[in-house]
Amino acid sequence: DDGGAAGPTLAGAPTRTATEPPEPDLGPIDGRAPLVGQPAPDFALRDLDGAVVKLSDLRGKVVWINFWATWCRPCKKELPDIQALSDAYPDDLAVLAINWQESADDARAYFEDNGLTMRVLLDRNGGVFNQYRLQGLPDSFFIDRAGNLAALQFGFLTESKMRERLAQAGLAIE
């Protein structure tokens, strides 16, 4: 179940003038495809402060991975609702807002300008985007406390769909 219509394609994405070489310790850790009911593909990426975040280190919490970019209109529309749900469940939910191939400065400025405080990870070379087999943005993956992919959503999420997907991942939604 992909949960809905596909998101916009990346044809309208800005062209990058300089590519950053991949860091050997960052990106996909395994080659598994994301399959509901199976362990979520593991990865490690840097956050805006330079700290390395490894997905498998978040076991014990429900994890919401949201792939986004500053130029993506549907991403910008759903981020405030994601923030509200992140704020509502701070002890049980870890939201990873994975920015696709933009600079830390651009991602940070967008979040600061819009009052967003979720943890931003930088997928500078698109390795995790490719690992998760994405074709557009936004896309979300919901991982249960044991580290298994419980639900996914290709394309924009309404707040009710967000709540539904979080419940599928085992978060007790009020």
N, C-alpha and C. Protein backbone atom coordinates (compact mmCIF):
# COMPACT_ATOMS: atom_id res chain seq x y z
N ASP A 1 0.85 -1.19 0.00
CA ASP A 1 0.00 0.00 0.00
C ASP A 1 0.88 1.24 0.00
N ASP A 2 0.83 1.99 -1.08
CA ASP A 2 1.66 3.19 -1.12
C ASP A 2 0.97 4.36 -0.47
N GLY A 3 -0.28 4.21 -0.08
CA GLY A 3 -0.96 5.22 0.71
C GLY A 3 -1.48 6.40 -0.08
N GLY A 4 -1.27 6.44 -1.37
CA GLY A 4 -1.80 7.58 -2.10
C GLY A 4 -1.08 7.82 -3.40
N ALA A 5 -1.41 8.93 -3.99
CA ALA A 5 -0.86 9.27 -5.29
C ALA A 5 0.61 9.62 -5.16
N ALA A 6 1.31 9.41 -6.24
CA ALA A 6 2.73 9.75 -6.26
C ALA A 6 2.90 11.26 -6.15
N GLY A 7 3.99 11.65 -5.54
CA GLY A 7 4.31 13.07 -5.40
C GLY A 7 4.86 13.61 -6.70
N PRO A 8 5.20 14.89 -6.70
CA PRO A 8 5.72 15.50 -7.90
C PRO A 8 7.06 14.87 -8.29
N THR A 9 7.34 14.87 -9.57
CA THR A 9 8.63 14.35 -10.01
C THR A 9 9.71 15.37 -9.71
N LEU A 10 10.93 14.99 -9.91
CA LEU A 10 12.05 15.85 -9.61
C LEU A 10 12.48 16.67 -10.81
N ALA A 11 11.70 16.65 -11.88
CA ALA A 11 12.06 17.38 -13.08
C ALA A 11 12.19 18.88 -12.82
N GLY A 12 11.44 19.41 -11.87
CA GLY A 12 11.49 20.84 -11.57
C GLY A 12 12.54 21.21 -10.53
N ALA A 13 13.30 20.23 -10.07
CA ALA A 13 14.30 20.51 -9.04
C ALA A 13 15.42 21.37 -9.61
N PRO A 14 15.95 22.27 -8.80
CA PRO A 14 17.05 23.09 -9.28
C PRO A 14 18.27 22.24 -9.60
N THR A 15 18.99 22.63 -10.61
CA THR A 15 20.21 21.95 -10.97
C THR A 15 21.32 22.38 -10.03
N ARG A 16 22.06 21.45 -9.54
CA ARG A 16 23.17 21.78 -8.64
C ARG A 16 24.39 22.14 -9.47
N THR A 17 25.04 23.22 -9.11
CA THR A 17 26.21 23.64 -9.86
C THR A 17 27.47 22.95 -9.36
N ALA A 18 27.50 22.58 -8.10
CA ALA A 18 28.66 21.89 -7.55
C ALA A 18 28.17 20.69 -6.77
N THR A 19 28.81 19.56 -6.99
CA THR A 19 28.43 18.38 -6.23
C THR A 19 29.46 18.16 -5.14
N GLU A 20 28.95 17.77 -4.01
CA GLU A 20 29.83 17.50 -2.88
C GLU A 20 30.18 16.02 -2.90
N PRO A 21 31.45 15.69 -2.71
CA PRO A 21 31.80 14.27 -2.71
C PRO A 21 31.15 13.57 -1.54
N PRO A 22 30.71 12.33 -1.73
CA PRO A 22 30.10 11.62 -0.62
C PRO A 22 31.13 11.37 0.48
N GLU A 23 30.65 11.45 1.72
CA GLU A 23 31.52 11.14 2.84
C GLU A 23 31.46 9.63 3.06
N PRO A 24 32.60 8.99 3.24
CA PRO A 24 32.60 7.52 3.32
C PRO A 24 31.79 6.96 4.47
N ASP A 25 31.62 7.72 5.55
CA ASP A 25 30.89 7.21 6.70
C ASP A 25 29.40 7.55 6.66
N LEU A 26 28.94 8.17 5.57
CA LEU A 26 27.55 8.61 5.50
C LEU A 26 26.83 7.99 4.31
N GLY A 27 25.51 7.90 4.47
CA GLY A 27 24.66 7.37 3.40
C GLY A 27 24.12 6.01 3.78
N PRO A 28 23.73 5.23 2.77
CA PRO A 28 23.17 3.91 3.04
C PRO A 28 24.17 3.00 3.75
N ILE A 29 23.67 2.23 4.70
CA ILE A 29 24.50 1.26 5.42
C ILE A 29 24.26 -0.14 4.87
N ASP A 30 23.06 -0.38 4.39
CA ASP A 30 22.76 -1.68 3.78
C ASP A 30 22.02 -1.45 2.47
N GLY A 31 21.88 -2.47 1.69
CA GLY A 31 21.27 -2.33 0.37
C GLY A 31 19.83 -2.77 0.28
N ARG A 32 19.20 -3.00 1.45
CA ARG A 32 17.81 -3.47 1.41
C ARG A 32 16.88 -2.41 0.82
N ALA A 33 15.86 -2.87 0.13
CA ALA A 33 14.79 -1.99 -0.33
C ALA A 33 13.81 -1.80 0.83
N PRO A 34 13.11 -0.67 0.85
CA PRO A 34 12.11 -0.46 1.91
C PRO A 34 10.85 -1.29 1.64
N LEU A 35 10.62 -2.29 2.47
CA LEU A 35 9.45 -3.15 2.33
C LEU A 35 8.68 -3.15 3.64
N VAL A 36 7.38 -2.87 3.57
CA VAL A 36 6.54 -2.86 4.75
C VAL A 36 6.61 -4.22 5.43
N GLY A 37 6.82 -4.19 6.75
CA GLY A 37 6.91 -5.41 7.54
C GLY A 37 8.34 -5.92 7.69
N GLN A 38 9.28 -5.32 6.99
CA GLN A 38 10.69 -5.72 7.05
C GLN A 38 11.50 -4.64 7.76
N PRO A 39 12.72 -4.96 8.22
CA PRO A 39 13.56 -3.92 8.82
C PRO A 39 13.77 -2.76 7.85
N ALA A 40 13.68 -1.55 8.38
CA ALA A 40 13.89 -0.36 7.55
C ALA A 40 15.35 -0.31 7.11
N PRO A 41 15.60 0.04 5.86
CA PRO A 41 16.99 0.16 5.41
C PRO A 41 17.74 1.17 6.28
N ASP A 42 18.91 0.76 6.77
CA ASP A 42 19.66 1.60 7.69
C ASP A 42 20.54 2.58 6.93
N PHE A 43 20.75 3.74 7.54
CA PHE A 43 21.60 4.78 6.95
C PHE A 43 22.18 5.64 8.06
N ALA A 44 23.15 6.44 7.69
CA ALA A 44 23.73 7.44 8.60
C ALA A 44 23.89 8.73 7.80
N LEU A 45 23.40 9.84 8.36
CA LEU A 45 23.52 11.16 7.74
C LEU A 45 23.87 12.19 8.81
N ARG A 46 24.40 13.31 8.38
CA ARG A 46 24.69 14.41 9.31
C ARG A 46 23.47 15.31 9.46
N ASP A 47 23.30 15.83 10.69
CA ASP A 47 22.27 16.83 10.90
C ASP A 47 22.86 18.22 10.66
N LEU A 48 22.07 19.26 10.89
CA LEU A 48 22.52 20.62 10.60
C LEU A 48 23.68 21.06 11.49
N ASP A 49 23.87 20.39 12.62
CA ASP A 49 24.98 20.72 13.51
C ASP A 49 26.21 19.88 13.24
N GLY A 50 26.13 18.98 12.25
CA GLY A 50 27.27 18.15 11.90
C GLY A 50 27.32 16.80 12.60
N ALA A 51 26.38 16.55 13.51
CA ALA A 51 26.35 15.26 14.22
C ALA A 51 25.84 14.17 13.28
N VAL A 52 26.41 12.98 13.38
CA VAL A 52 25.97 11.84 12.58
C VAL A 52 24.79 11.17 13.27
N VAL A 53 23.73 10.96 12.53
CA VAL A 53 22.53 10.28 13.03
C VAL A 53 22.40 8.97 12.24
N LYS A 54 22.33 7.87 12.99
CA LYS A 54 22.17 6.54 12.38
C LYS A 54 20.75 6.07 12.70
N LEU A 55 20.00 5.69 11.68
CA LEU A 55 18.61 5.28 11.87
C LEU A 55 18.48 4.19 12.93
N SER A 56 19.30 3.16 12.87
CA SER A 56 19.15 2.04 13.79
C SER A 56 19.40 2.43 15.25
N ASP A 57 20.05 3.57 15.49
CA ASP A 57 20.25 4.04 16.87
C ASP A 57 18.96 4.58 17.49
N LEU A 58 17.90 4.73 16.70
CA LEU A 58 16.65 5.29 17.20
C LEU A 58 15.63 4.21 17.58
N ARG A 59 16.05 2.94 17.59
CA ARG A 59 15.13 1.88 17.98
C ARG A 59 14.58 2.17 19.36
N GLY A 60 13.32 1.81 19.56
CA GLY A 60 12.64 2.10 20.82
C GLY A 60 11.68 3.27 20.68
N LYS A 61 11.84 4.03 19.62
CA LYS A 61 10.91 5.13 19.30
C LYS A 61 10.27 4.84 17.95
N VAL A 62 9.09 5.40 17.74
CA VAL A 62 8.52 5.41 16.40
C VAL A 62 9.30 6.48 15.63
N VAL A 63 9.73 6.15 14.42
CA VAL A 63 10.51 7.08 13.61
C VAL A 63 9.72 7.42 12.35
N TRP A 64 9.65 8.71 12.07
CA TRP A 64 9.01 9.21 10.86
C TRP A 64 10.11 9.84 10.02
N ILE A 65 10.39 9.24 8.88
CA ILE A 65 11.35 9.79 7.94
C ILE A 65 10.56 10.54 6.89
N ASN A 66 10.85 11.83 6.74
CA ASN A 66 10.17 12.64 5.73
C ASN A 66 11.23 13.25 4.82
N PHE A 67 11.17 12.91 3.53
CA PHE A 67 12.09 13.47 2.54
C PHE A 67 11.46 14.75 1.99
N TRP A 68 12.25 15.84 1.95
CA TRP A 68 11.72 17.14 1.56
C TRP A 68 12.82 17.99 0.91
N ALA A 69 12.41 19.10 0.33
CA ALA A 69 13.34 20.11 -0.21
C ALA A 69 12.66 21.47 -0.13
N THR A 70 13.46 22.53 -0.09
CA THR A 70 12.91 23.88 0.07
C THR A 70 12.09 24.32 -1.13
N TRP A 71 12.36 23.78 -2.31
CA TRP A 71 11.65 24.17 -3.53
C TRP A 71 10.36 23.38 -3.75
N CYS A 72 10.11 22.39 -2.90
CA CYS A 72 8.97 21.47 -3.08
C CYS A 72 7.73 22.04 -2.39
N ARG A 73 6.75 22.46 -3.19
CA ARG A 73 5.53 23.06 -2.63
C ARG A 73 4.76 22.14 -1.69
N PRO A 74 4.47 20.88 -2.09
CA PRO A 74 3.75 20.01 -1.16
C PRO A 74 4.54 19.75 0.13
N CYS A 75 5.87 19.71 0.03
CA CYS A 75 6.69 19.54 1.23
C CYS A 75 6.44 20.70 2.19
N LYS A 76 6.49 21.90 1.64
CA LYS A 76 6.31 23.10 2.48
C LYS A 76 4.92 23.13 3.11
N LYS A 77 3.94 22.58 2.40
CA LYS A 77 2.57 22.57 2.91
C LYS A 77 2.41 21.59 4.08
N GLU A 78 3.10 20.45 4.03
CA GLU A 78 2.90 19.45 5.08
C GLU A 78 3.84 19.61 6.27
N LEU A 79 4.95 20.33 6.14
CA LEU A 79 5.91 20.45 7.23
C LEU A 79 5.33 21.05 8.52
N PRO A 80 4.46 22.06 8.48
CA PRO A 80 3.89 22.55 9.75
C PRO A 80 3.07 21.49 10.50
N ASP A 81 2.34 20.65 9.79
CA ASP A 81 1.57 19.58 10.44
C ASP A 81 2.51 18.52 11.02
N ILE A 82 3.60 18.23 10.30
CA ILE A 82 4.59 17.28 10.83
C ILE A 82 5.19 17.83 12.11
N GLN A 83 5.50 19.13 12.09
CA GLN A 83 6.06 19.77 13.29
C GLN A 83 5.09 19.67 14.46
N ALA A 84 3.82 19.93 14.22
CA ALA A 84 2.82 19.88 15.29
C ALA A 84 2.74 18.48 15.90
N LEU A 85 2.77 17.45 15.07
CA LEU A 85 2.73 16.09 15.59
C LEU A 85 4.03 15.73 16.30
N SER A 86 5.14 16.21 15.79
CA SER A 86 6.43 15.99 16.46
C SER A 86 6.41 16.61 17.85
N ASP A 87 5.86 17.82 17.95
CA ASP A 87 5.77 18.51 19.25
C ASP A 87 4.81 17.80 20.20
N ALA A 88 3.77 17.17 19.67
CA ALA A 88 2.76 16.52 20.50
C ALA A 88 3.25 15.21 21.12
N TYR A 89 4.26 14.57 20.52
CA TYR A 89 4.74 13.27 20.98
C TYR A 89 6.26 13.25 21.13
N PRO A 90 6.83 14.19 21.89
CA PRO A 90 8.30 14.32 21.93
C PRO A 90 9.03 13.12 22.52
N ASP A 91 8.39 12.36 23.39
CA ASP A 91 9.06 11.23 24.02
C ASP A 91 8.97 9.94 23.23
N ASP A 92 8.00 9.86 22.33
CA ASP A 92 7.73 8.60 21.62
C ASP A 92 8.01 8.64 20.13
N LEU A 93 8.19 9.84 19.58
CA LEU A 93 8.32 10.00 18.13
C LEU A 93 9.60 10.75 17.79
N ALA A 94 10.37 10.17 16.88
CA ALA A 94 11.56 10.84 16.33
C ALA A 94 11.27 11.15 14.87
N VAL A 95 11.23 12.43 14.53
CA VAL A 95 11.03 12.83 13.14
C VAL A 95 12.39 13.19 12.55
N LEU A 96 12.68 12.59 11.41
CA LEU A 96 13.89 12.90 10.66
C LEU A 96 13.48 13.53 9.34
N ALA A 97 13.68 14.83 9.24
CA ALA A 97 13.34 15.56 8.02
C ALA A 97 14.59 15.53 7.13
N ILE A 98 14.59 14.64 6.15
CA ILE A 98 15.77 14.45 5.31
C ILE A 98 15.69 15.38 4.11
N ASN A 99 16.59 16.35 4.08
CA ASN A 99 16.64 17.30 2.98
C ASN A 99 17.40 16.69 1.82
N TRP A 100 16.81 16.82 0.64
CA TRP A 100 17.38 16.21 -0.56
C TRP A 100 18.30 17.18 -1.30
N GLN A 101 19.58 16.95 -1.20
CA GLN A 101 20.61 17.58 -2.01
C GLN A 101 20.65 19.10 -1.97
N GLU A 102 20.35 19.69 -0.82
CA GLU A 102 20.49 21.13 -0.67
C GLU A 102 21.55 21.41 0.40
N SER A 103 22.00 22.63 0.46
CA SER A 103 23.03 22.98 1.44
C SER A 103 22.44 23.06 2.84
N ALA A 104 23.30 22.89 3.82
CA ALA A 104 22.88 23.03 5.21
C ALA A 104 22.35 24.44 5.45
N ASP A 105 22.98 25.44 4.85
CA ASP A 105 22.53 26.83 5.03
C ASP A 105 21.12 27.03 4.51
N ASP A 106 20.81 26.48 3.33
CA ASP A 106 19.46 26.63 2.76
C ASP A 106 18.42 25.92 3.62
N ALA A 107 18.72 24.70 4.05
CA ALA A 107 17.78 23.94 4.88
C ALA A 107 17.57 24.64 6.22
N ARG A 108 18.66 25.08 6.84
CA ARG A 108 18.57 25.77 8.13
C ARG A 108 17.75 27.05 8.00
N ALA A 109 18.02 27.84 6.97
CA ALA A 109 17.30 29.11 6.78
C ALA A 109 15.81 28.85 6.60
N TYR A 110 15.45 27.83 5.82
CA TYR A 110 14.04 27.53 5.61
C TYR A 110 13.36 27.16 6.94
N PHE A 111 13.99 26.28 7.72
CA PHE A 111 13.40 25.88 8.99
C PHE A 111 13.30 27.06 9.95
N GLU A 112 14.36 27.86 10.05
CA GLU A 112 14.32 29.02 10.95
C GLU A 112 13.26 30.03 10.53
N ASP A 113 13.16 30.30 9.24
CA ASP A 113 12.18 31.27 8.73
C ASP A 113 10.75 30.82 8.96
N ASN A 114 10.54 29.50 9.10
CA ASN A 114 9.18 28.97 9.24
C ASN A 114 8.91 28.38 10.63
N GLY A 115 9.80 28.64 11.58
CA GLY A 115 9.57 28.20 12.96
C GLY A 115 9.57 26.70 13.15
N LEU A 116 10.29 25.98 12.30
CA LEU A 116 10.35 24.52 12.38
C LEU A 116 11.58 24.10 13.18
N THR A 117 11.40 23.12 14.05
CA THR A 117 12.50 22.71 14.93
C THR A 117 12.82 21.22 14.84
N MET A 118 12.20 20.50 13.93
CA MET A 118 12.49 19.07 13.80
C MET A 118 13.94 18.87 13.39
N ARG A 119 14.44 17.68 13.60
CA ARG A 119 15.83 17.37 13.23
C ARG A 119 15.94 17.22 11.72
N VAL A 120 16.80 18.03 11.13
CA VAL A 120 17.04 17.98 9.69
C VAL A 120 18.31 17.18 9.44
N LEU A 121 18.22 16.20 8.55
CA LEU A 121 19.38 15.46 8.08
C LEU A 121 19.63 15.84 6.64
N LEU A 122 20.90 15.82 6.25
CA LEU A 122 21.29 16.25 4.90
C LEU A 122 21.70 15.05 4.05
N ASP A 123 20.93 14.79 3.00
CA ASP A 123 21.25 13.74 2.03
C ASP A 123 21.89 14.43 0.83
N ARG A 124 23.11 14.87 1.03
CA ARG A 124 23.78 15.74 0.06
C ARG A 124 24.00 15.09 -1.30
N ASN A 125 24.31 13.80 -1.33
CA ASN A 125 24.57 13.16 -2.62
C ASN A 125 23.39 12.31 -3.10
N GLY A 126 22.28 12.32 -2.35
CA GLY A 126 21.09 11.58 -2.77
C GLY A 126 21.17 10.08 -2.54
N GLY A 127 22.16 9.61 -1.79
CA GLY A 127 22.31 8.17 -1.57
C GLY A 127 21.16 7.53 -0.83
N VAL A 128 20.64 8.20 0.21
CA VAL A 128 19.53 7.64 0.97
C VAL A 128 18.23 7.77 0.18
N PHE A 129 18.09 8.86 -0.56
CA PHE A 129 16.95 9.03 -1.48
C PHE A 129 16.89 7.81 -2.42
N ASN A 130 18.04 7.45 -3.00
CA ASN A 130 18.09 6.30 -3.90
C ASN A 130 17.87 4.99 -3.15
N GLN A 131 18.44 4.87 -1.95
CA GLN A 131 18.27 3.67 -1.14
C GLN A 131 16.79 3.40 -0.87
N TYR A 132 16.03 4.47 -0.62
CA TYR A 132 14.61 4.33 -0.31
C TYR A 132 13.73 4.31 -1.56
N ARG A 133 14.36 4.30 -2.73
CA ARG A 133 13.69 4.12 -4.03
C ARG A 133 12.65 5.21 -4.31
N LEU A 134 13.00 6.46 -3.98
CA LEU A 134 12.06 7.56 -4.18
C LEU A 134 12.06 8.01 -5.64
N GLN A 135 10.90 8.54 -6.05
CA GLN A 135 10.76 9.09 -7.39
C GLN A 135 10.33 10.54 -7.35
N GLY A 136 9.95 11.03 -6.20
CA GLY A 136 9.48 12.40 -6.06
C GLY A 136 9.50 12.82 -4.61
N LEU A 137 9.05 14.02 -4.37
CA LEU A 137 8.97 14.57 -3.01
C LEU A 137 7.59 15.18 -2.80
N PRO A 138 7.07 15.19 -1.60
CA PRO A 138 7.58 14.57 -0.39
C PRO A 138 7.23 13.09 -0.33
N ASP A 139 8.02 12.32 0.39
CA ASP A 139 7.71 10.93 0.69
C ASP A 139 8.01 10.70 2.16
N SER A 140 7.20 9.85 2.81
CA SER A 140 7.37 9.58 4.23
C SER A 140 7.38 8.08 4.49
N PHE A 141 8.19 7.69 5.48
CA PHE A 141 8.31 6.31 5.90
C PHE A 141 8.15 6.28 7.42
N PHE A 142 7.34 5.33 7.90
CA PHE A 142 7.01 5.23 9.32
C PHE A 142 7.53 3.91 9.86
N ILE A 143 8.41 4.00 10.85
CA ILE A 143 9.13 2.85 11.36
C ILE A 143 8.70 2.60 12.80
N ASP A 144 8.40 1.33 13.10
CA ASP A 144 7.95 1.00 14.45
C ASP A 144 9.13 0.93 15.42
N ARG A 145 8.82 0.73 16.69
CA ARG A 145 9.84 0.75 17.74
C ARG A 145 10.90 -0.35 17.58
N ALA A 146 10.56 -1.41 16.86
CA ALA A 146 11.51 -2.51 16.64
C ALA A 146 12.39 -2.27 15.41
N GLY A 147 12.14 -1.18 14.69
CA GLY A 147 12.96 -0.87 13.52
C GLY A 147 12.41 -1.38 12.21
N ASN A 148 11.16 -1.84 12.21
CA ASN A 148 10.55 -2.34 10.98
C ASN A 148 9.72 -1.25 10.31
N LEU A 149 9.73 -1.25 8.99
CA LEU A 149 8.92 -0.30 8.23
C LEU A 149 7.46 -0.71 8.38
N ALA A 150 6.67 0.15 9.01
CA ALA A 150 5.27 -0.16 9.30
C ALA A 150 4.33 0.42 8.26
N ALA A 151 4.68 1.56 7.68
CA ALA A 151 3.82 2.22 6.70
C ALA A 151 4.66 3.19 5.89
N LEU A 152 4.15 3.54 4.73
CA LEU A 152 4.82 4.53 3.90
C LEU A 152 3.80 5.35 3.16
N GLN A 153 4.24 6.48 2.67
CA GLN A 153 3.36 7.38 1.93
C GLN A 153 4.17 8.06 0.85
N PHE A 154 3.81 7.82 -0.39
CA PHE A 154 4.42 8.53 -1.51
C PHE A 154 3.54 9.73 -1.81
N GLY A 155 4.11 10.91 -1.74
CA GLY A 155 3.35 12.12 -2.00
C GLY A 155 2.86 12.79 -0.73
N PHE A 156 2.11 13.84 -0.92
CA PHE A 156 1.62 14.70 0.15
C PHE A 156 0.75 13.94 1.15
N LEU A 157 0.89 14.29 2.43
CA LEU A 157 0.09 13.72 3.51
C LEU A 157 -0.80 14.78 4.13
N THR A 158 -2.08 14.48 4.25
CA THR A 158 -2.96 15.33 5.06
C THR A 158 -2.70 15.01 6.52
N GLU A 159 -3.15 15.86 7.43
CA GLU A 159 -2.94 15.58 8.85
C GLU A 159 -3.62 14.28 9.26
N SER A 160 -4.81 13.99 8.74
CA SER A 160 -5.49 12.74 9.11
C SER A 160 -4.70 11.52 8.63
N LYS A 161 -4.11 11.60 7.44
CA LYS A 161 -3.28 10.49 6.94
C LYS A 161 -2.01 10.36 7.77
N MET A 162 -1.45 11.49 8.21
CA MET A 162 -0.27 11.44 9.07
C MET A 162 -0.60 10.66 10.33
N ARG A 163 -1.72 10.99 10.95
CA ARG A 163 -2.13 10.31 12.18
C ARG A 163 -2.38 8.82 11.94
N GLU A 164 -2.99 8.50 10.81
CA GLU A 164 -3.26 7.11 10.46
C GLU A 164 -1.95 6.33 10.31
N ARG A 165 -0.98 6.90 9.60
CA ARG A 165 0.30 6.23 9.38
C ARG A 165 1.08 6.08 10.69
N LEU A 166 1.03 7.10 11.55
CA LEU A 166 1.70 7.00 12.85
C LEU A 166 1.08 5.89 13.70
N ALA A 167 -0.24 5.78 13.65
CA ALA A 167 -0.92 4.70 14.40
C ALA A 167 -0.51 3.34 13.84
N GLN A 168 -0.34 3.23 12.52
CA GLN A 168 0.11 1.98 11.93
C GLN A 168 1.51 1.60 12.44
N ALA A 169 2.31 2.62 12.77
CA ALA A 169 3.66 2.37 13.28
C ALA A 169 3.68 2.15 14.79
N GLY A 170 2.50 2.18 15.42
CA GLY A 170 2.42 1.87 16.85
C GLY A 170 2.42 3.05 17.78
N LEU A 171 2.27 4.26 17.24
CA LEU A 171 2.19 5.44 18.12
C LEU A 171 0.74 5.60 18.58
N ALA A 172 0.54 5.67 19.88
CA ALA A 172 -0.80 5.86 20.44
C ALA A 172 -1.23 7.30 20.19
N ILE A 173 -2.08 7.49 19.20
CA ILE A 173 -2.53 8.82 18.79
C ILE A 173 -3.79 9.18 19.57
N GLU A 174 -3.79 10.38 20.11
CA GLU A 174 -4.98 10.86 20.85
C GLU A 174 -5.87 11.67 19.95
